[in-house]
Amino acid sequence: MMEERKIYIIFSYTGTMFSKLLKFILNDKYVHVSICFDEKLTTVYSFGRKNPKIMFPCGLINEDVKLIGKVFKGSICQVYELKVEEDKYRILKKN
């Protein structure tokens, strides 16, 4: 039996103008998704703003969850913990 590891999927909404537009188009409560590999949510990855205060440029980023809460007051999120097999965990982390 293969060992399991945990990953964390974070669904969020910051209330920015762009996220409001996405929320309207998608008709969903959360419009941003991030992935994390530790339960303290210290290293969070997603596709987003390179600078949280301006919309562009965007790309793959390492998010600072604490900074997001300070910059975007009233942000909401939901965190899901998923168990994955060790080999899948390594592939996700590598990518």
PDB file of N, CA and C in Angstrom:
ATOM      1  N   MET A   1       0.846  -1.193   0.000  1.00  0.00           N
ATOM      2  CA  MET A   1       0.000   0.000   0.000  1.00  0.00           C
ATOM      3  C   MET A   1       0.884   1.247   0.000  1.00  0.00           C
ATOM      4  N   MET A   2       0.552   2.177  -0.857  1.00  0.00           N
ATOM      5  CA  MET A   2       1.342   3.391  -0.992  1.00  0.00           C
ATOM      6  C   MET A   2       0.980   4.390   0.098  1.00  0.00           C
ATOM      7  N   GLU A   3       1.974   5.077   0.589  1.00  0.00           N
ATOM      8  CA  GLU A   3       1.766   6.103   1.606  1.00  0.00           C
ATOM      9  C   GLU A   3       0.988   7.278   1.015  1.00  0.00           C
ATOM     10  N   GLU A   4       0.147   7.904   1.840  1.00  0.00           N
ATOM     11  CA  GLU A   4      -0.617   9.055   1.389  1.00  0.00           C
ATOM     12  C   GLU A   4      -0.046  10.336   1.976  1.00  0.00           C
ATOM     13  N   ARG A   5      -0.162  11.417   1.233  1.00  0.00           N
ATOM     14  CA  ARG A   5       0.233  12.748   1.683  1.00  0.00           C
ATOM     15  C   ARG A   5      -0.981  13.653   1.549  1.00  0.00           C
ATOM     16  N   LYS A   6      -0.920  14.804   2.161  1.00  0.00           N
ATOM     17  CA  LYS A   6      -2.034  15.750   2.085  1.00  0.00           C
ATOM     18  C   LYS A   6      -1.641  16.965   1.251  1.00  0.00           C
ATOM     19  N   ILE A   7      -2.598  17.428   0.466  1.00  0.00           N
ATOM     20  CA  ILE A   7      -2.462  18.702  -0.223  1.00  0.00           C
ATOM     21  C   ILE A   7      -3.679  19.539   0.161  1.00  0.00           C
ATOM     22  N   TYR A   8      -3.581  20.822  -0.059  1.00  0.00           N
ATOM     23  CA  TYR A   8      -4.652  21.733   0.326  1.00  0.00           C
ATOM     24  C   TYR A   8      -5.035  22.579  -0.883  1.00  0.00           C
ATOM     25  N   ILE A   9      -6.319  22.589  -1.188  1.00  0.00           N
ATOM     26  CA  ILE A   9      -6.855  23.377  -2.279  1.00  0.00           C
ATOM     27  C   ILE A   9      -7.622  24.537  -1.648  1.00  0.00           C
ATOM     28  N   ILE A  10      -7.282  25.752  -2.065  1.00  0.00           N
ATOM     29  CA  ILE A  10      -7.881  26.950  -1.480  1.00  0.00           C
ATOM     30  C   ILE A  10      -8.706  27.664  -2.548  1.00  0.00           C
ATOM     31  N   PHE A  11      -9.984  27.807  -2.286  1.00  0.00           N
ATOM     32  CA  PHE A  11     -10.881  28.572  -3.149  1.00  0.00           C
ATOM     33  C   PHE A  11     -11.068  29.929  -2.479  1.00  0.00           C
ATOM     34  N   SER A  12     -10.909  31.020  -3.242  1.00  0.00           N
ATOM     35  CA  SER A  12     -10.989  32.335  -2.609  1.00  0.00           C
ATOM     36  C   SER A  12     -11.689  33.365  -3.484  1.00  0.00           C
ATOM     37  N   TYR A  13     -12.052  34.454  -2.822  1.00  0.00           N
ATOM     38  CA  TYR A  13     -12.659  35.621  -3.464  1.00  0.00           C
ATOM     39  C   TYR A  13     -12.138  36.841  -2.724  1.00  0.00           C
ATOM     40  N   THR A  14     -11.526  37.786  -3.462  1.00  0.00           N
ATOM     41  CA  THR A  14     -10.916  38.951  -2.822  1.00  0.00           C
ATOM     42  C   THR A  14     -11.765  40.209  -2.873  1.00  0.00           C
ATOM     43  N   GLY A  15     -12.741  40.263  -3.770  1.00  0.00           N
ATOM     44  CA  GLY A  15     -13.587  41.446  -3.871  1.00  0.00           C
ATOM     45  C   GLY A  15     -13.016  42.542  -4.756  1.00  0.00           C
ATOM     46  N   THR A  16     -11.947  42.250  -5.504  1.00  0.00           N
ATOM     47  CA  THR A  16     -11.405  43.241  -6.435  1.00  0.00           C
ATOM     48  C   THR A  16     -12.385  43.416  -7.599  1.00  0.00           C
ATOM     49  N   MET A  17     -12.149  44.450  -8.390  1.00  0.00           N
ATOM     50  CA  MET A  17     -13.030  44.672  -9.550  1.00  0.00           C
ATOM     51  C   MET A  17     -12.995  43.474 -10.495  1.00  0.00           C
ATOM     52  N   PHE A  18     -11.785  42.925 -10.725  1.00  0.00           N
ATOM     53  CA  PHE A  18     -11.667  41.774 -11.618  1.00  0.00           C
ATOM     54  C   PHE A  18     -12.369  40.552 -11.032  1.00  0.00           C
ATOM     55  N   SER A  19     -12.218  40.318  -9.721  1.00  0.00           N
ATOM     56  CA  SER A  19     -12.882  39.156  -9.122  1.00  0.00           C
ATOM     57  C   SER A  19     -14.404  39.336  -9.111  1.00  0.00           C
ATOM     58  N   LYS A  20     -14.867  40.571  -8.992  1.00  0.00           N
ATOM     59  CA  LYS A  20     -16.311  40.828  -9.077  1.00  0.00           C
ATOM     60  C   LYS A  20     -16.837  40.501 -10.468  1.00  0.00           C
ATOM     61  N   LEU A  21     -16.050  40.867 -11.492  1.00  0.00           N
ATOM     62  CA  LEU A  21     -16.434  40.544 -12.870  1.00  0.00           C
ATOM     63  C   LEU A  21     -16.488  39.025 -13.060  1.00  0.00           C
ATOM     64  N   LEU A  22     -15.460  38.334 -12.585  1.00  0.00           N
ATOM     65  CA  LEU A  22     -15.448  36.865 -12.687  1.00  0.00           C
ATOM     66  C   LEU A  22     -16.618  36.248 -11.932  1.00  0.00           C
ATOM     67  N   LYS A  23     -16.893  36.773 -10.757  1.00  0.00           N
ATOM     68  CA  LYS A  23     -18.013  36.255  -9.954  1.00  0.00           C
ATOM     69  C   LYS A  23     -19.328  36.413 -10.711  1.00  0.00           C
ATOM     70  N   PHE A  24     -19.498  37.561 -11.369  1.00  0.00           N
ATOM     71  CA  PHE A  24     -20.704  37.804 -12.155  1.00  0.00           C
ATOM     72  C   PHE A  24     -20.789  36.821 -13.327  1.00  0.00           C
ATOM     73  N   ILE A  25     -19.677  36.663 -14.049  1.00  0.00           N
ATOM     74  CA  ILE A  25     -19.661  35.778 -15.221  1.00  0.00           C
ATOM     75  C   ILE A  25     -19.834  34.316 -14.818  1.00  0.00           C
ATOM     76  N   LEU A  26     -19.111  33.891 -13.795  1.00  0.00           N
ATOM     77  CA  LEU A  26     -19.126  32.485 -13.381  1.00  0.00           C
ATOM     78  C   LEU A  26     -20.308  32.137 -12.483  1.00  0.00           C
ATOM     79  N   ASN A  27     -20.925  33.168 -11.903  1.00  0.00           N
ATOM     80  CA  ASN A  27     -22.017  32.954 -10.960  1.00  0.00           C
ATOM     81  C   ASN A  27     -21.603  31.990  -9.843  1.00  0.00           C
ATOM     82  N   ASP A  28     -20.438  32.277  -9.254  1.00  0.00           N
ATOM     83  CA  ASP A  28     -19.903  31.427  -8.201  1.00  0.00           C
ATOM     84  C   ASP A  28     -19.392  32.292  -7.056  1.00  0.00           C
ATOM     85  N   LYS A  29     -19.352  31.747  -5.870  1.00  0.00           N
ATOM     86  CA  LYS A  29     -18.902  32.480  -4.682  1.00  0.00           C
ATOM     87  C   LYS A  29     -17.393  32.700  -4.700  1.00  0.00           C
ATOM     88  N   TYR A  30     -16.642  31.722  -5.192  1.00  0.00           N
ATOM     89  CA  TYR A  30     -15.182  31.779  -5.216  1.00  0.00           C
ATOM     90  C   TYR A  30     -14.703  31.767  -6.668  1.00  0.00           C
ATOM     91  N   VAL A  31     -13.715  32.607  -6.982  1.00  0.00           N
ATOM     92  CA  VAL A  31     -13.265  32.706  -8.374  1.00  0.00           C
ATOM     93  C   VAL A  31     -11.760  32.486  -8.541  1.00  0.00           C
ATOM     94  N   HIS A  32     -11.075  32.155  -7.463  1.00  0.00           N
ATOM     95  CA  HIS A  32      -9.627  31.941  -7.519  1.00  0.00           C
ATOM     96  C   HIS A  32      -9.305  30.630  -6.813  1.00  0.00           C
ATOM     97  N   VAL A  33      -8.356  29.876  -7.375  1.00  0.00           N
ATOM     98  CA  VAL A  33      -7.977  28.590  -6.788  1.00  0.00           C
ATOM     99  C   VAL A  33      -6.465  28.552  -6.614  1.00  0.00           C
ATOM    100  N   SER A  34      -6.033  28.053  -5.471  1.00  0.00           N
ATOM    101  CA  SER A  34      -4.610  27.918  -5.160  1.00  0.00           C
ATOM    102  C   SER A  34      -4.364  26.515  -4.619  1.00  0.00           C
ATOM    103  N   ILE A  35      -3.099  26.109  -4.628  1.00  0.00           N
ATOM    104  CA  ILE A  35      -2.719  24.810  -4.082  1.00  0.00           C
ATOM    105  C   ILE A  35      -1.601  25.014  -3.064  1.00  0.00           C
ATOM    106  N   CYS A  36      -1.617  24.200  -2.027  1.00  0.00           N
ATOM    107  CA  CYS A  36      -0.619  24.297  -0.968  1.00  0.00           C
ATOM    108  C   CYS A  36      -0.233  22.883  -0.537  1.00  0.00           C
ATOM    109  N   PHE A  37       1.009  22.744  -0.090  1.00  0.00           N
ATOM    110  CA  PHE A  37       1.504  21.427   0.298  1.00  0.00           C
ATOM    111  C   PHE A  37       1.781  21.302   1.791  1.00  0.00           C
ATOM    112  N   ASP A  38       1.451  22.322   2.583  1.00  0.00           N
ATOM    113  CA  ASP A  38       1.646  22.215   4.030  1.00  0.00           C
ATOM    114  C   ASP A  38       0.416  22.739   4.758  1.00  0.00           C
ATOM    115  N   GLU A  39       0.113  22.130   5.889  1.00  0.00           N
ATOM    116  CA  GLU A  39      -1.136  22.433   6.588  1.00  0.00           C
ATOM    117  C   GLU A  39      -1.185  23.840   7.190  1.00  0.00           C
ATOM    118  N   LYS A  40      -0.044  24.494   7.325  1.00  0.00           N
ATOM    119  CA  LYS A  40      -0.032  25.857   7.849  1.00  0.00           C
ATOM    120  C   LYS A  40      -0.251  26.901   6.750  1.00  0.00           C
ATOM    121  N   LEU A  41      -0.383  26.428   5.515  1.00  0.00           N
ATOM    122  CA  LEU A  41      -0.635  27.281   4.349  1.00  0.00           C
ATOM    123  C   LEU A  41       0.441  28.364   4.193  1.00  0.00           C
ATOM    124  N   THR A  42       1.684  27.962   4.399  1.00  0.00           N
ATOM    125  CA  THR A  42       2.775  28.929   4.305  1.00  0.00           C
ATOM    126  C   THR A  42       3.277  29.108   2.884  1.00  0.00           C
ATOM    127  N   THR A  43       3.208  28.073   2.062  1.00  0.00           N
ATOM    128  CA  THR A  43       3.661  28.165   0.682  1.00  0.00           C
ATOM    129  C   THR A  43       2.488  27.816  -0.225  1.00  0.00           C
ATOM    130  N   VAL A  44       1.916  28.840  -0.831  1.00  0.00           N
ATOM    131  CA  VAL A  44       0.706  28.692  -1.627  1.00  0.00           C
ATOM    132  C   VAL A  44       1.013  29.102  -3.070  1.00  0.00           C
ATOM    133  N   TYR A  45       0.600  28.270  -4.020  1.00  0.00           N
ATOM    134  CA  TYR A  45       0.876  28.520  -5.431  1.00  0.00           C
ATOM    135  C   TYR A  45      -0.421  28.718  -6.200  1.00  0.00           C
ATOM    136  N   SER A  46      -0.374  29.620  -7.198  1.00  0.00           N
ATOM    137  CA  SER A  46      -1.522  29.813  -8.073  1.00  0.00           C
ATOM    138  C   SER A  46      -1.099  30.605  -9.294  1.00  0.00           C
ATOM    139  N   PHE A  47      -2.058  30.842 -10.162  1.00  0.00           N
ATOM    140  CA  PHE A  47      -1.869  31.750 -11.282  1.00  0.00           C
ATOM    141  C   PHE A  47      -2.547  33.038 -10.864  1.00  0.00           C
ATOM    142  N   GLY A  48      -1.790  34.120 -10.799  1.00  0.00           N
ATOM    143  CA  GLY A  48      -2.372  35.370 -10.333  1.00  0.00           C
ATOM    144  C   GLY A  48      -1.471  36.557 -10.586  1.00  0.00           C
ATOM    145  N   ARG A  49      -1.744  37.622  -9.865  1.00  0.00           N
ATOM    146  CA  ARG A  49      -1.013  38.878 -10.007  1.00  0.00           C
ATOM    147  C   ARG A  49       0.406  38.755  -9.471  1.00  0.00           C
ATOM    148  N   LYS A  50       1.358  39.267 -10.223  1.00  0.00           N
ATOM    149  CA  LYS A  50       2.745  39.309  -9.746  1.00  0.00           C
ATOM    150  C   LYS A  50       2.867  40.334  -8.622  1.00  0.00           C
ATOM    151  N   ASN A  51       2.067  41.402  -8.695  1.00  0.00           N
ATOM    152  CA  ASN A  51       2.000  42.424  -7.656  1.00  0.00           C
ATOM    153  C   ASN A  51       0.541  42.513  -7.219  1.00  0.00           C
ATOM    154  N   PRO A  52       0.217  42.211  -5.954  1.00  0.00           N
ATOM    155  CA  PRO A  52      -1.185  42.186  -5.521  1.00  0.00           C
ATOM    156  C   PRO A  52      -1.943  43.497  -5.703  1.00  0.00           C
ATOM    157  N   LYS A  53      -1.220  44.613  -5.814  1.00  0.00           N
ATOM    158  CA  LYS A  53      -1.890  45.909  -5.900  1.00  0.00           C
ATOM    159  C   LYS A  53      -2.276  46.309  -7.323  1.00  0.00           C
ATOM    160  N   ILE A  54      -1.699  45.649  -8.337  1.00  0.00           N
ATOM    161  CA  ILE A  54      -2.042  45.976  -9.719  1.00  0.00           C
ATOM    162  C   ILE A  54      -2.413  44.702 -10.468  1.00  0.00           C
ATOM    163  N   MET A  55      -3.245  44.844 -11.493  1.00  0.00           N
ATOM    164  CA  MET A  55      -3.807  43.685 -12.184  1.00  0.00           C
ATOM    165  C   MET A  55      -2.803  42.940 -13.055  1.00  0.00           C
ATOM    166  N   PHE A  56      -1.879  43.654 -13.691  1.00  0.00           N
ATOM    167  CA  PHE A  56      -0.902  43.014 -14.566  1.00  0.00           C
ATOM    168  C   PHE A  56       0.502  43.379 -14.127  1.00  0.00           C
ATOM    169  N   PRO A  57       1.491  42.571 -14.321  1.00  0.00           N
ATOM    170  CA  PRO A  57       1.489  41.296 -15.042  1.00  0.00           C
ATOM    171  C   PRO A  57       0.994  40.156 -14.159  1.00  0.00           C
ATOM    172  N   CYS A  58       0.571  39.088 -14.818  1.00  0.00           N
ATOM    173  CA  CYS A  58       0.107  37.875 -14.140  1.00  0.00           C
ATOM    174  C   CYS A  58       0.981  36.704 -14.544  1.00  0.00           C
ATOM    175  N   GLY A  59       0.909  35.646 -13.761  1.00  0.00           N
ATOM    176  CA  GLY A  59       1.663  34.438 -14.065  1.00  0.00           C
ATOM    177  C   GLY A  59       1.612  33.487 -12.888  1.00  0.00           C
ATOM    178  N   LEU A  60       2.419  32.465 -12.926  1.00  0.00           N
ATOM    179  CA  LEU A  60       2.499  31.528 -11.811  1.00  0.00           C
ATOM    180  C   LEU A  60       3.212  32.223 -10.656  1.00  0.00           C
ATOM    181  N   ILE A  61       2.581  32.174  -9.497  1.00  0.00           N
ATOM    182  CA  ILE A  61       3.111  32.906  -8.354  1.00  0.00           C
ATOM    183  C   ILE A  61       3.117  32.055  -7.099  1.00  0.00           C
ATOM    184  N   ASN A  62       3.910  32.485  -6.155  1.00  0.00           N
ATOM    185  CA  ASN A  62       3.919  31.944  -4.806  1.00  0.00           C
ATOM    186  C   ASN A  62       3.190  32.991  -3.969  1.00  0.00           C
ATOM    187  N   GLU A  63       1.990  32.690  -3.542  1.00  0.00           N
ATOM    188  CA  GLU A  63       1.159  33.662  -2.841  1.00  0.00           C
ATOM    189  C   GLU A  63       1.528  33.769  -1.367  1.00  0.00           C
ATOM    190  N   ASP A  64       1.329  34.949  -0.826  1.00  0.00           N
ATOM    191  CA  ASP A  64       1.460  35.192   0.603  1.00  0.00           C
ATOM    192  C   ASP A  64       0.043  35.359   1.141  1.00  0.00           C
ATOM    193  N   VAL A  65      -0.495  34.310   1.739  1.00  0.00           N
ATOM    194  CA  VAL A  65      -1.889  34.309   2.186  1.00  0.00           C
ATOM    195  C   VAL A  65      -2.142  35.435   3.192  1.00  0.00           C
ATOM    196  N   LYS A  66      -1.188  35.697   4.073  1.00  0.00           N
ATOM    197  CA  LYS A  66      -1.362  36.757   5.068  1.00  0.00           C
ATOM    198  C   LYS A  66      -1.414  38.133   4.408  1.00  0.00           C
ATOM    199  N   LEU A  67      -0.616  38.350   3.375  1.00  0.00           N
ATOM    200  CA  LEU A  67      -0.609  39.624   2.664  1.00  0.00           C
ATOM    201  C   LEU A  67      -1.924  39.841   1.933  1.00  0.00           C
ATOM    202  N   ILE A  68      -2.464  38.790   1.348  1.00  0.00           N
ATOM    203  CA  ILE A  68      -3.735  38.901   0.628  1.00  0.00           C
ATOM    204  C   ILE A  68      -4.825  39.397   1.565  1.00  0.00           C
ATOM    205  N   GLY A  69      -4.872  38.852   2.774  1.00  0.00           N
ATOM    206  CA  GLY A  69      -5.868  39.288   3.755  1.00  0.00           C
ATOM    207  C   GLY A  69      -5.695  40.737   4.173  1.00  0.00           C
ATOM    208  N   LYS A  70      -4.463  41.231   4.172  1.00  0.00           N
ATOM    209  CA  LYS A  70      -4.202  42.629   4.542  1.00  0.00           C
ATOM    210  C   LYS A  70      -4.533  43.571   3.389  1.00  0.00           C
ATOM    211  N   VAL A  71      -4.157  43.197   2.166  1.00  0.00           N
ATOM    212  CA  VAL A  71      -4.375  44.053   0.997  1.00  0.00           C
ATOM    213  C   VAL A  71      -5.846  44.067   0.599  1.00  0.00           C
ATOM    214  N   PHE A  72      -6.489  42.908   0.604  1.00  0.00           N
ATOM    215  CA  PHE A  72      -7.878  42.785   0.173  1.00  0.00           C
ATOM    216  C   PHE A  72      -8.765  42.499   1.381  1.00  0.00           C
ATOM    217  N   LYS A  73      -9.169  43.554   2.065  1.00  0.00           N
ATOM    218  CA  LYS A  73     -10.033  43.408   3.241  1.00  0.00           C
ATOM    219  C   LYS A  73     -11.350  42.765   2.833  1.00  0.00           C
ATOM    220  N   GLY A  74     -11.852  41.887   3.659  1.00  0.00           N
ATOM    221  CA  GLY A  74     -13.114  41.228   3.359  1.00  0.00           C
ATOM    222  C   GLY A  74     -12.986  40.024   2.452  1.00  0.00           C
ATOM    223  N   SER A  75     -11.748  39.593   2.191  1.00  0.00           N
ATOM    224  CA  SER A  75     -11.543  38.384   1.375  1.00  0.00           C
ATOM    225  C   SER A  75     -12.150  37.189   2.090  1.00  0.00           C
ATOM    226  N   ILE A  76     -12.641  36.249   1.297  1.00  0.00           N
ATOM    227  CA  ILE A  76     -13.166  35.010   1.872  1.00  0.00           C
ATOM    228  C   ILE A  76     -12.484  33.831   1.188  1.00  0.00           C
ATOM    229  N   CYS A  77     -12.404  32.727   1.910  1.00  0.00           N
ATOM    230  CA  CYS A  77     -11.817  31.535   1.300  1.00  0.00           C
ATOM    231  C   CYS A  77     -12.368  30.283   1.958  1.00  0.00           C
ATOM    232  N   GLN A  78     -12.148  29.193   1.267  1.00  0.00           N
ATOM    233  CA  GLN A  78     -12.531  27.883   1.761  1.00  0.00           C
ATOM    234  C   GLN A  78     -11.364  26.954   1.443  1.00  0.00           C
ATOM    235  N   VAL A  79     -10.938  26.163   2.432  1.00  0.00           N
ATOM    236  CA  VAL A  79      -9.779  25.296   2.267  1.00  0.00           C
ATOM    237  C   VAL A  79     -10.231  23.841   2.343  1.00  0.00           C
ATOM    238  N   TYR A  80      -9.771  23.069   1.354  1.00  0.00           N
ATOM    239  CA  TYR A  80     -10.070  21.636   1.326  1.00  0.00           C
ATOM    240  C   TYR A  80      -8.773  20.859   1.472  1.00  0.00           C
ATOM    241  N   GLU A  81      -8.814  19.847   2.301  1.00  0.00           N
ATOM    242  CA  GLU A  81      -7.672  18.952   2.484  1.00  0.00           C
ATOM    243  C   GLU A  81      -7.938  17.675   1.695  1.00  0.00           C
ATOM    244  N   LEU A  82      -6.982  17.315   0.845  1.00  0.00           N
ATOM    245  CA  LEU A  82      -7.128  16.103   0.046  1.00  0.00           C
ATOM    246  C   LEU A  82      -5.967  15.160   0.310  1.00  0.00           C
ATOM    247  N   LYS A  83      -6.268  13.897   0.399  1.00  0.00           N
ATOM    248  CA  LYS A  83      -5.218  12.889   0.524  1.00  0.00           C
ATOM    249  C   LYS A  83      -4.886  12.371  -0.870  1.00  0.00           C
ATOM    250  N   VAL A  84      -3.592  12.333  -1.177  1.00  0.00           N
ATOM    251  CA  VAL A  84      -3.139  11.822  -2.466  1.00  0.00           C
ATOM    252  C   VAL A  84      -2.014  10.827  -2.229  1.00  0.00           C
ATOM    253  N   GLU A  85      -1.832   9.925  -3.169  1.00  0.00           N
ATOM    254  CA  GLU A  85      -0.746   8.956  -3.060  1.00  0.00           C
ATOM    255  C   GLU A  85       0.589   9.668  -3.201  1.00  0.00           C
ATOM    256  N   GLU A  86       1.603   9.112  -2.564  1.00  0.00           N
ATOM    257  CA  GLU A  86       2.934   9.721  -2.526  1.00  0.00           C
ATOM    258  C   GLU A  86       3.461  10.070  -3.913  1.00  0.00           C
ATOM    259  N   ASP A  87       3.303   9.189  -4.883  1.00  0.00           N
ATOM    260  CA  ASP A  87       3.813   9.475  -6.229  1.00  0.00           C
ATOM    261  C   ASP A  87       3.088  10.653  -6.869  1.00  0.00           C
ATOM    262  N   LYS A  88       1.781  10.769  -6.648  1.00  0.00           N
ATOM    263  CA  LYS A  88       1.009  11.903  -7.183  1.00  0.00           C
ATOM    264  C   LYS A  88       1.434  13.203  -6.501  1.00  0.00           C
ATOM    265  N   TYR A  89       1.676  13.122  -5.198  1.00  0.00           N
ATOM    266  CA  TYR A  89       2.129  14.275  -4.432  1.00  0.00           C
ATOM    267  C   TYR A  89       3.449  14.799  -5.000  1.00  0.00           C
ATOM    268  N   ARG A  90       4.388  13.912  -5.250  1.00  0.00           N
ATOM    269  CA  ARG A  90       5.693  14.309  -5.790  1.00  0.00           C
ATOM    270  C   ARG A  90       5.541  14.960  -7.177  1.00  0.00           C
ATOM    271  N   ILE A  91       4.666  14.408  -8.005  1.00  0.00           N
ATOM    272  CA  ILE A  91       4.436  14.977  -9.337  1.00  0.00           C
ATOM    273  C   ILE A  91       3.848  16.385  -9.215  1.00  0.00           C
ATOM    274  N   LEU A  92       2.845  16.549  -8.355  1.00  0.00           N
ATOM    275  CA  LEU A  92       2.241  17.863  -8.160  1.00  0.00           C
ATOM    276  C   LEU A  92       3.262  18.872  -7.657  1.00  0.00           C
ATOM    277  N   LYS A  93       4.033  18.468  -6.676  1.00  0.00           N
ATOM    278  CA  LYS A  93       5.024  19.384  -6.095  1.00  0.00           C
ATOM    279  C   LYS A  93       6.117  19.755  -7.113  1.00  0.00           C
ATOM    280  N   LYS A  94       6.519  18.798  -7.913  1.00  0.00           N
ATOM    281  CA  LYS A  94       7.534  19.049  -8.924  1.00  0.00           C
ATOM    282  C   LYS A  94       7.034  20.061  -9.953  1.00  0.00           C
ATOM    283  N   ASN A  95       5.781  19.898 -10.363  1.00  0.00           N
ATOM    284  CA  ASN A  95       5.209  20.791 -11.381  1.00  0.00           C
ATOM    285  C   ASN A  95       4.852  22.127 -10.810  1.00  0.00           C
TER     286      ASN A  95
END
